[in-house]
């Protein structure tokens, strides 16, 4: 069984209570006793920021904000054991 710390850098899906959407796609950037650190353009929009993937910064490397999601606010968290792409679903 994998631990959350083993999934750092992987894409996950999380549901957060009292949020605008049913779930968010995130990249796990860290795990602590109280929750996780996540990177997500969807969360940037939720907090009123333009996603950093659309910004063009030429003098400084782009940085992406990280969001702390406490375990107490998570409804569920899903991680796939394999990476899926569209070709996985073709006949």
PDB file of N, CA and C in Angstrom:
ATOM      1  N   UNK A   1       0.846  -1.179   0.000  1.00  0.00           N
ATOM      2  CA  UNK A   1       0.000   0.000   0.000  1.00  0.00           C
ATOM      3  C   UNK A   1       0.885   1.234   0.000  1.00  0.00           C
ATOM      4  N   UNK A   2       0.589   2.146  -0.913  1.00  0.00           N
ATOM      5  CA  UNK A   2       1.382   3.366  -1.014  1.00  0.00           C
ATOM      6  C   UNK A   2       0.950   4.382   0.029  1.00  0.00           C
ATOM      7  N   UNK A   3       1.925   5.157   0.471  1.00  0.00           N
ATOM      8  CA  UNK A   3       1.668   6.268   1.375  1.00  0.00           C
ATOM      9  C   UNK A   3       1.528   7.527   0.522  1.00  0.00           C
ATOM     10  N   UNK A   4       0.883   8.557   1.049  1.00  0.00           N
ATOM     11  CA  UNK A   4       0.734   9.800   0.297  1.00  0.00           C
ATOM     12  C   UNK A   4       2.080  10.372  -0.122  1.00  0.00           C
ATOM     13  N   UNK A   5       3.071  10.289   0.724  1.00  0.00           N
ATOM     14  CA  UNK A   5       4.381  10.845   0.406  1.00  0.00           C
ATOM     15  C   UNK A   5       4.977  10.184  -0.834  1.00  0.00           C
ATOM     16  N   UNK A   6       4.586   8.938  -1.107  1.00  0.00           N
ATOM     17  CA  UNK A   6       5.052   8.233  -2.301  1.00  0.00           C
ATOM     18  C   UNK A   6       4.423   8.782  -3.575  1.00  0.00           C
ATOM     19  N   UNK A   7       3.347   9.548  -3.437  1.00  0.00           N
ATOM     20  CA  UNK A   7       2.614  10.066  -4.590  1.00  0.00           C
ATOM     21  C   UNK A   7       2.966  11.513  -4.922  1.00  0.00           C
ATOM     22  N   UNK A   8       3.965  12.080  -4.248  1.00  0.00           N
ATOM     23  CA  UNK A   8       4.365  13.463  -4.530  1.00  0.00           C
ATOM     24  C   UNK A   8       4.790  13.561  -5.992  1.00  0.00           C
ATOM     25  N   UNK A   9       4.252  14.574  -6.665  1.00  0.00           N
ATOM     26  CA  UNK A   9       4.511  14.767  -8.089  1.00  0.00           C
ATOM     27  C   UNK A   9       3.490  14.115  -8.991  1.00  0.00           C
ATOM     28  N   UNK A  10       2.590  13.318  -8.426  1.00  0.00           N
ATOM     29  CA  UNK A  10       1.564  12.618  -9.214  1.00  0.00           C
ATOM     30  C   UNK A  10       0.264  13.424  -9.249  1.00  0.00           C
ATOM     31  N   UNK A  11      -0.528  13.184 -10.277  1.00  0.00           N
ATOM     32  CA  UNK A  11      -1.845  13.811 -10.399  1.00  0.00           C
ATOM     33  C   UNK A  11      -2.866  13.042  -9.580  1.00  0.00           C
ATOM     34  N   UNK A  12      -3.680  13.768  -8.829  1.00  0.00           N
ATOM     35  CA  UNK A  12      -4.725  13.180  -7.999  1.00  0.00           C
ATOM     36  C   UNK A  12      -6.014  13.956  -8.218  1.00  0.00           C
ATOM     37  N   UNK A  13      -7.099  13.412  -7.723  1.00  0.00           N
ATOM     38  CA  UNK A  13      -8.387  14.102  -7.737  1.00  0.00           C
ATOM     39  C   UNK A  13      -8.876  14.173  -6.300  1.00  0.00           C
ATOM     40  N   UNK A  14      -9.326  15.359  -5.885  1.00  0.00           N
ATOM     41  CA  UNK A  14      -9.754  15.555  -4.502  1.00  0.00           C
ATOM     42  C   UNK A  14     -11.091  16.297  -4.476  1.00  0.00           C
ATOM     43  N   UNK A  15     -11.942  15.920  -3.534  1.00  0.00           N
ATOM     44  CA  UNK A  15     -13.189  16.635  -3.270  1.00  0.00           C
ATOM     45  C   UNK A  15     -13.004  17.374  -1.949  1.00  0.00           C
ATOM     46  N   UNK A  16     -13.353  18.668  -1.964  1.00  0.00           N
ATOM     47  CA  UNK A  16     -13.186  19.522  -0.790  1.00  0.00           C
ATOM     48  C   UNK A  16     -14.567  20.003  -0.360  1.00  0.00           C
ATOM     49  N   UNK A  17     -14.873  19.850   0.931  1.00  0.00           N
ATOM     50  CA  UNK A  17     -16.197  20.257   1.409  1.00  0.00           C
ATOM     51  C   UNK A  17     -16.376  21.766   1.277  1.00  0.00           C
ATOM     52  N   UNK A  18     -17.621  22.168   1.037  1.00  0.00           N
ATOM     53  CA  UNK A  18     -18.019  23.569   0.913  1.00  0.00           C
ATOM     54  C   UNK A  18     -17.269  24.317  -0.187  1.00  0.00           C
ATOM     55  N   UNK A  19     -16.898  23.625  -1.255  1.00  0.00           N
ATOM     56  CA  UNK A  19     -16.228  24.294  -2.370  1.00  0.00           C
ATOM     57  C   UNK A  19     -17.195  24.423  -3.540  1.00  0.00           C
ATOM     58  N   UNK A  20     -16.785  25.209  -4.535  1.00  0.00           N
ATOM     59  CA  UNK A  20     -17.652  25.495  -5.672  1.00  0.00           C
ATOM     60  C   UNK A  20     -17.837  24.310  -6.609  1.00  0.00           C
ATOM     61  N   UNK A  21     -16.865  23.414  -6.662  1.00  0.00           N
ATOM     62  CA  UNK A  21     -16.912  22.294  -7.592  1.00  0.00           C
ATOM     63  C   UNK A  21     -16.984  20.967  -6.843  1.00  0.00           C
ATOM     64  N   UNK A  22     -17.380  19.933  -7.571  1.00  0.00           N
ATOM     65  CA  UNK A  22     -17.488  18.616  -6.944  1.00  0.00           C
ATOM     66  C   UNK A  22     -16.127  17.997  -6.678  1.00  0.00           C
ATOM     67  N   UNK A  23     -15.128  18.345  -7.517  1.00  0.00           N
ATOM     68  CA  UNK A  23     -13.783  17.814  -7.325  1.00  0.00           C
ATOM     69  C   UNK A  23     -12.774  18.691  -8.059  1.00  0.00           C
ATOM     70  N   UNK A  24     -11.509  18.509  -7.724  1.00  0.00           N
ATOM     71  CA  UNK A  24     -10.424  19.271  -8.331  1.00  0.00           C
ATOM     72  C   UNK A  24      -9.305  18.328  -8.727  1.00  0.00           C
ATOM     73  N   UNK A  25      -8.715  18.577  -9.892  1.00  0.00           N
ATOM     74  CA  UNK A  25      -7.531  17.846 -10.298  1.00  0.00           C
ATOM     75  C   UNK A  25      -6.331  18.597  -9.731  1.00  0.00           C
ATOM     76  N   UNK A  26      -5.453  17.880  -9.049  1.00  0.00           N
ATOM     77  CA  UNK A  26      -4.302  18.503  -8.414  1.00  0.00           C
ATOM     78  C   UNK A  26      -3.040  17.715  -8.724  1.00  0.00           C
ATOM     79  N   UNK A  27      -1.904  18.344  -8.481  1.00  0.00           N
ATOM     80  CA  UNK A  27      -0.625  17.645  -8.445  1.00  0.00           C
ATOM     81  C   UNK A  27      -0.172  17.711  -6.997  1.00  0.00           C
ATOM     82  N   UNK A  28       0.060  16.564  -6.415  1.00  0.00           N
ATOM     83  CA  UNK A  28       0.481  16.502  -5.021  1.00  0.00           C
ATOM     84  C   UNK A  28       1.927  16.983  -4.908  1.00  0.00           C
ATOM     85  N   UNK A  29       2.159  17.990  -4.068  1.00  0.00           N
ATOM     86  CA  UNK A  29       3.501  18.548  -3.885  1.00  0.00           C
ATOM     87  C   UNK A  29       4.077  18.266  -2.503  1.00  0.00           C
ATOM     88  N   UNK A  30       3.248  17.800  -1.577  1.00  0.00           N
ATOM     89  CA  UNK A  30       3.742  17.464  -0.254  1.00  0.00           C
ATOM     90  C   UNK A  30       2.631  16.908   0.606  1.00  0.00           C
ATOM     91  N   UNK A  31       3.021  16.202   1.679  1.00  0.00           N
ATOM     92  CA  UNK A  31       2.047  15.625   2.607  1.00  0.00           C
ATOM     93  C   UNK A  31       2.568  15.813   4.026  1.00  0.00           C
ATOM     94  N   UNK A  32       1.683  16.243   4.901  1.00  0.00           N
ATOM     95  CA  UNK A  32       2.014  16.441   6.308  1.00  0.00           C
ATOM     96  C   UNK A  32       0.974  15.710   7.155  1.00  0.00           C
ATOM     97  N   UNK A  33       1.142  15.763   8.463  1.00  0.00           N
ATOM     98  CA  UNK A  33       0.189  15.103   9.360  1.00  0.00           C
ATOM     99  C   UNK A  33      -1.209  15.698   9.242  1.00  0.00           C
ATOM    100  N   UNK A  34      -1.308  16.991   8.959  1.00  0.00           N
ATOM    101  CA  UNK A  34      -2.613  17.640   8.934  1.00  0.00           C
ATOM    102  C   UNK A  34      -3.261  17.772   7.581  1.00  0.00           C
ATOM    103  N   UNK A  35      -2.533  17.484   6.497  1.00  0.00           N
ATOM    104  CA  UNK A  35      -3.117  17.643   5.180  1.00  0.00           C
ATOM    105  C   UNK A  35      -2.079  17.525   4.081  1.00  0.00           C
ATOM    106  N   UNK A  36      -2.443  18.042   2.903  1.00  0.00           N
ATOM    107  CA  UNK A  36      -1.562  17.941   1.743  1.00  0.00           C
ATOM    108  C   UNK A  36      -1.302  19.316   1.137  1.00  0.00           C
ATOM    109  N   UNK A  37      -0.191  19.426   0.419  1.00  0.00           N
ATOM    110  CA  UNK A  37       0.137  20.601  -0.372  1.00  0.00           C
ATOM    111  C   UNK A  37      -0.141  20.259  -1.818  1.00  0.00           C
ATOM    112  N   UNK A  38      -0.921  21.112  -2.498  1.00  0.00           N
ATOM    113  CA  UNK A  38      -1.354  20.813  -3.858  1.00  0.00           C
ATOM    114  C   UNK A  38      -1.105  21.989  -4.789  1.00  0.00           C
ATOM    115  N   UNK A  39      -0.866  21.649  -6.035  1.00  0.00           N
ATOM    116  CA  UNK A  39      -0.749  22.630  -7.107  1.00  0.00           C
ATOM    117  C   UNK A  39      -1.895  22.363  -8.070  1.00  0.00           C
ATOM    118  N   UNK A  40      -2.631  23.427  -8.447  1.00  0.00           N
ATOM    119  CA  UNK A  40      -3.777  23.208  -9.322  1.00  0.00           C
ATOM    120  C   UNK A  40      -4.262  24.525  -9.918  1.00  0.00           C
ATOM    121  N   UNK A  41      -4.337  24.613 -11.251  1.00  0.00           N
ATOM    122  CA  UNK A  41      -4.944  25.799 -11.870  1.00  0.00           C
ATOM    123  C   UNK A  41      -6.399  25.977 -11.434  1.00  0.00           C
ATOM    124  N   UNK A  42      -7.100  24.865 -11.185  1.00  0.00           N
ATOM    125  CA  UNK A  42      -8.493  24.944 -10.732  1.00  0.00           C
ATOM    126  C   UNK A  42      -8.595  25.648  -9.377  1.00  0.00           C
ATOM    127  N   UNK A  43      -7.676  25.348  -8.470  1.00  0.00           N
ATOM    128  CA  UNK A  43      -7.687  26.009  -7.161  1.00  0.00           C
ATOM    129  C   UNK A  43      -7.291  27.469  -7.284  1.00  0.00           C
ATOM    130  N   UNK A  44      -6.403  27.787  -8.219  1.00  0.00           N
ATOM    131  CA  UNK A  44      -6.042  29.186  -8.452  1.00  0.00           C
ATOM    132  C   UNK A  44      -7.284  29.983  -8.838  1.00  0.00           C
ATOM    133  N   UNK A  45      -8.091  29.423  -9.729  1.00  0.00           N
ATOM    134  CA  UNK A  45      -9.323  30.104 -10.151  1.00  0.00           C
ATOM    135  C   UNK A  45     -10.299  30.264  -8.993  1.00  0.00           C
ATOM    136  N   UNK A  46     -10.375  29.244  -8.130  1.00  0.00           N
ATOM    137  CA  UNK A  46     -11.284  29.304  -6.995  1.00  0.00           C
ATOM    138  C   UNK A  46     -10.933  30.479  -6.070  1.00  0.00           C
ATOM    139  N   UNK A  47      -9.633  30.790  -5.968  1.00  0.00           N
ATOM    140  CA  UNK A  47      -9.208  31.881  -5.105  1.00  0.00           C
ATOM    141  C   UNK A  47      -9.043  33.194  -5.866  1.00  0.00           C
ATOM    142  N   UNK A  48      -9.539  33.233  -7.112  1.00  0.00           N
ATOM    143  CA  UNK A  48      -9.562  34.478  -7.862  1.00  0.00           C
ATOM    144  C   UNK A  48      -8.273  34.843  -8.569  1.00  0.00           C
ATOM    145  N   UNK A  49      -7.404  33.872  -8.800  1.00  0.00           N
ATOM    146  CA  UNK A  49      -6.157  34.132  -9.508  1.00  0.00           C
ATOM    147  C   UNK A  49      -6.249  33.581 -10.912  1.00  0.00           C
ATOM    148  N   UNK A  50      -5.569  34.266 -11.834  1.00  0.00           N
ATOM    149  CA  UNK A  50      -5.456  33.724 -13.180  1.00  0.00           C
ATOM    150  C   UNK A  50      -4.446  32.581 -13.130  1.00  0.00           C
ATOM    151  N   UNK A  51      -4.761  31.440 -13.716  1.00  0.00           N
ATOM    152  CA  UNK A  51      -3.808  30.320 -13.668  1.00  0.00           C
ATOM    153  C   UNK A  51      -2.444  30.715 -14.215  1.00  0.00           C
ATOM    154  N   UNK A  52      -1.394  30.278 -13.541  1.00  0.00           N
ATOM    155  CA  UNK A  52      -0.037  30.648 -13.938  1.00  0.00           C
ATOM    156  C   UNK A  52       0.362  30.041 -15.264  1.00  0.00           C
ATOM    157  N   UNK A  53      -0.302  28.977 -15.691  1.00  0.00           N
ATOM    158  CA  UNK A  53       0.074  28.358 -16.963  1.00  0.00           C
ATOM    159  C   UNK A  53      -0.197  29.291 -18.137  1.00  0.00           C
ATOM    160  N   UNK A  54      -1.046  30.320 -17.962  1.00  0.00           N
ATOM    161  CA  UNK A  54      -1.346  31.250 -19.037  1.00  0.00           C
ATOM    162  C   UNK A  54      -0.449  32.491 -18.994  1.00  0.00           C
ATOM    163  N   UNK A  55       0.300  32.688 -17.932  1.00  0.00           N
ATOM    164  CA  UNK A  55       1.149  33.863 -17.811  1.00  0.00           C
ATOM    165  C   UNK A  55       2.455  33.637 -18.548  1.00  0.00           C
ATOM    166  N   UNK A  56       2.969  34.708 -19.095  1.00  0.00           N
ATOM    167  CA  UNK A  56       4.265  34.630 -19.772  1.00  0.00           C
ATOM    168  C   UNK A  56       5.226  35.557 -19.051  1.00  0.00           C
ATOM    169  N   UNK A  57       6.146  34.975 -18.333  1.00  0.00           N
ATOM    170  CA  UNK A  57       7.155  35.734 -17.612  1.00  0.00           C
ATOM    171  C   UNK A  57       8.492  35.402 -18.243  1.00  0.00           C
ATOM    172  N   UNK A  58       9.210  36.423 -18.706  1.00  0.00           N
ATOM    173  CA  UNK A  58      10.449  36.150 -19.420  1.00  0.00           C
ATOM    174  C   UNK A  58      11.687  36.337 -18.552  1.00  0.00           C
ATOM    175  N   UNK A  59      11.606  37.152 -17.513  1.00  0.00           N
ATOM    176  CA  UNK A  59      12.806  37.437 -16.733  1.00  0.00           C
ATOM    177  C   UNK A  59      12.964  36.534 -15.521  1.00  0.00           C
ATOM    178  N   UNK A  60      11.876  35.988 -15.031  1.00  0.00           N
ATOM    179  CA  UNK A  60      11.913  35.146 -13.841  1.00  0.00           C
ATOM    180  C   UNK A  60      11.204  33.840 -14.167  1.00  0.00           C
ATOM    181  N   UNK A  61      11.746  32.708 -13.750  1.00  0.00           N
ATOM    182  CA  UNK A  61      11.028  31.457 -13.995  1.00  0.00           C
ATOM    183  C   UNK A  61       9.635  31.502 -13.367  1.00  0.00           C
ATOM    184  N   UNK A  62       8.624  30.996 -14.053  1.00  0.00           N
ATOM    185  CA  UNK A  62       7.274  31.033 -13.491  1.00  0.00           C
ATOM    186  C   UNK A  62       7.170  30.205 -12.216  1.00  0.00           C
ATOM    187  N   UNK A  63       6.435  30.729 -11.276  1.00  0.00           N
ATOM    188  CA  UNK A  63       6.176  29.992 -10.043  1.00  0.00           C
ATOM    189  C   UNK A  63       4.686  29.740  -9.938  1.00  0.00           C
ATOM    190  N   UNK A  64       4.342  28.652  -9.354  1.00  0.00           N
ATOM    191  CA  UNK A  64       2.933  28.298  -9.195  1.00  0.00           C
ATOM    192  C   UNK A  64       2.623  28.260  -7.709  1.00  0.00           C
ATOM    193  N   UNK A  65       1.494  28.838  -7.335  1.00  0.00           N
ATOM    194  CA  UNK A  65       1.138  28.798  -5.907  1.00  0.00           C
ATOM    195  C   UNK A  65       0.784  27.389  -5.459  1.00  0.00           C
ATOM    196  N   UNK A  66       1.090  27.093  -4.210  1.00  0.00           N
ATOM    197  CA  UNK A  66       0.702  25.833  -3.591  1.00  0.00           C
ATOM    198  C   UNK A  66      -0.416  26.101  -2.605  1.00  0.00           C
ATOM    199  N   UNK A  67      -1.323  25.164  -2.488  1.00  0.00           N
ATOM    200  CA  UNK A  67      -2.462  25.295  -1.583  1.00  0.00           C
ATOM    201  C   UNK A  67      -2.417  24.163  -0.575  1.00  0.00           C
ATOM    202  N   UNK A  68      -2.623  24.511   0.692  1.00  0.00           N
ATOM    203  CA  UNK A  68      -2.701  23.491   1.742  1.00  0.00           C
ATOM    204  C   UNK A  68      -4.148  23.086   1.903  1.00  0.00           C
ATOM    205  N   UNK A  69      -4.408  21.796   1.796  1.00  0.00           N
ATOM    206  CA  UNK A  69      -5.761  21.264   1.967  1.00  0.00           C
ATOM    207  C   UNK A  69      -5.747  20.371   3.207  1.00  0.00           C
ATOM    208  N   UNK A  70      -6.398  20.812   4.292  1.00  0.00           N
ATOM    209  CA  UNK A  70      -6.425  19.981   5.503  1.00  0.00           C
ATOM    210  C   UNK A  70      -7.246  18.717   5.287  1.00  0.00           C
ATOM    211  N   UNK A  71      -6.814  17.627   5.913  1.00  0.00           N
ATOM    212  CA  UNK A  71      -7.570  16.378   5.811  1.00  0.00           C
ATOM    213  C   UNK A  71      -9.005  16.559   6.305  1.00  0.00           C
ATOM    214  N   UNK A  72      -9.208  17.432   7.276  1.00  0.00           N
ATOM    215  CA  UNK A  72     -10.546  17.660   7.826  1.00  0.00           C
ATOM    216  C   UNK A  72     -11.504  18.261   6.797  1.00  0.00           C
ATOM    217  N   UNK A  73     -10.984  18.888   5.746  1.00  0.00           N
ATOM    218  CA  UNK A  73     -11.829  19.494   4.707  1.00  0.00           C
ATOM    219  C   UNK A  73     -12.012  18.584   3.493  1.00  0.00           C
ATOM    220  N   UNK A  74     -11.271  17.485   3.434  1.00  0.00           N
ATOM    221  CA  UNK A  74     -11.357  16.581   2.289  1.00  0.00           C
ATOM    222  C   UNK A  74     -12.495  15.594   2.470  1.00  0.00           C
ATOM    223  N   UNK A  75     -13.278  15.443   1.415  1.00  0.00           N
ATOM    224  CA  UNK A  75     -14.329  14.431   1.415  1.00  0.00           C
ATOM    225  C   UNK A  75     -13.745  13.108   0.928  1.00  0.00           C
ATOM    226  N   UNK A  76     -12.986  13.177  -0.176  1.00  0.00           N
ATOM    227  CA  UNK A  76     -12.276  12.012  -0.684  1.00  0.00           C
ATOM    228  C   UNK A  76     -11.084  12.455  -1.510  1.00  0.00           C
ATOM    229  N   UNK A  77     -10.169  11.507  -1.709  1.00  0.00           N
ATOM    230  CA  UNK A  77      -8.952  11.730  -2.485  1.00  0.00           C
ATOM    231  C   UNK A  77      -8.706  10.474  -3.304  1.00  0.00           C
ATOM    232  N   UNK A  78      -8.514  10.629  -4.611  1.00  0.00           N
ATOM    233  CA  UNK A  78      -8.327   9.473  -5.488  1.00  0.00           C
ATOM    234  C   UNK A  78      -6.980   9.583  -6.193  1.00  0.00           C
ATOM    235  N   UNK A  79      -6.265   8.477  -6.193  1.00  0.00           N
ATOM    236  CA  UNK A  79      -5.024   8.358  -6.952  1.00  0.00           C
ATOM    237  C   UNK A  79      -5.095   7.081  -7.763  1.00  0.00           C
ATOM    238  N   UNK A  80      -4.775   7.153  -9.044  1.00  0.00           N
ATOM    239  CA  UNK A  80      -4.763   5.964  -9.890  1.00  0.00           C
ATOM    240  C   UNK A  80      -3.402   5.298  -9.787  1.00  0.00           C
ATOM    241  N   UNK A  81      -3.388   3.988  -9.824  1.00  0.00           N
ATOM    242  CA  UNK A  81      -2.117   3.270  -9.737  1.00  0.00           C
ATOM    243  C   UNK A  81      -1.392   3.241 -11.076  1.00  0.00           C
ATOM    244  N   UNK A  82      -2.099   3.601 -12.151  1.00  0.00           N
ATOM    245  CA  UNK A  82      -1.481   3.711 -13.470  1.00  0.00           C
ATOM    246  C   UNK A  82      -1.899   5.029 -14.089  1.00  0.00           C
ATOM    247  N   UNK A  83      -1.063   5.569 -14.962  1.00  0.00           N
ATOM    248  CA  UNK A  83      -1.420   6.773 -15.686  1.00  0.00           C
ATOM    249  C   UNK A  83      -2.281   6.383 -16.878  1.00  0.00           C
ATOM    250  N   UNK A  84      -3.404   7.039 -17.028  1.00  0.00           N
ATOM    251  CA  UNK A  84      -4.316   6.745 -18.121  1.00  0.00           C
ATOM    252  C   UNK A  84      -4.233   7.851 -19.158  1.00  0.00           C
ATOM    253  N   UNK A  85      -4.357   7.497 -20.400  1.00  0.00           N
ATOM    254  CA  UNK A  85      -4.470   8.484 -21.452  1.00  0.00           C
ATOM    255  C   UNK A  85      -5.630   8.071 -22.352  1.00  0.00           C
ATOM    256  N   UNK A  86      -5.931   8.911 -23.332  1.00  0.00           N
ATOM    257  CA  UNK A  86      -7.094   8.635 -24.187  1.00  0.00           C
ATOM    258  C   UNK A  86      -6.955   7.315 -24.943  1.00  0.00           C
ATOM    259  N   UNK A  87      -5.741   6.913 -25.286  1.00  0.00           N
ATOM    260  CA  UNK A  87      -5.575   5.666 -26.045  1.00  0.00           C
ATOM    261  C   UNK A  87      -5.961   4.442 -25.210  1.00  0.00           C
ATOM    262  N   UNK A  88      -5.996   4.595 -23.878  1.00  0.00           N
ATOM    263  CA  UNK A  88      -6.391   3.486 -23.019  1.00  0.00           C
ATOM    264  C   UNK A  88      -7.853   3.101 -23.214  1.00  0.00           C
ATOM    265  N   UNK A  89      -8.649   4.048 -23.742  1.00  0.00           N
ATOM    266  CA  UNK A  89     -10.083   3.827 -23.876  1.00  0.00           C
ATOM    267  C   UNK A  89     -10.491   3.513 -25.312  1.00  0.00           C
ATOM    268  N   UNK A  90      -9.539   3.492 -26.244  1.00  0.00           N
ATOM    269  CA  UNK A  90      -9.906   3.215 -27.625  1.00  0.00           C
ATOM    270  C   UNK A  90     -10.135   1.727 -27.838  1.00  0.00           C
ATOM    271  N   UNK A  91     -10.905   1.424 -28.855  1.00  0.00           N
ATOM    272  CA  UNK A  91     -11.243   0.016 -29.110  1.00  0.00           C
ATOM    273  C   UNK A  91     -10.133  -0.696 -29.840  1.00  0.00           C
TER     274      UNK A  91
END
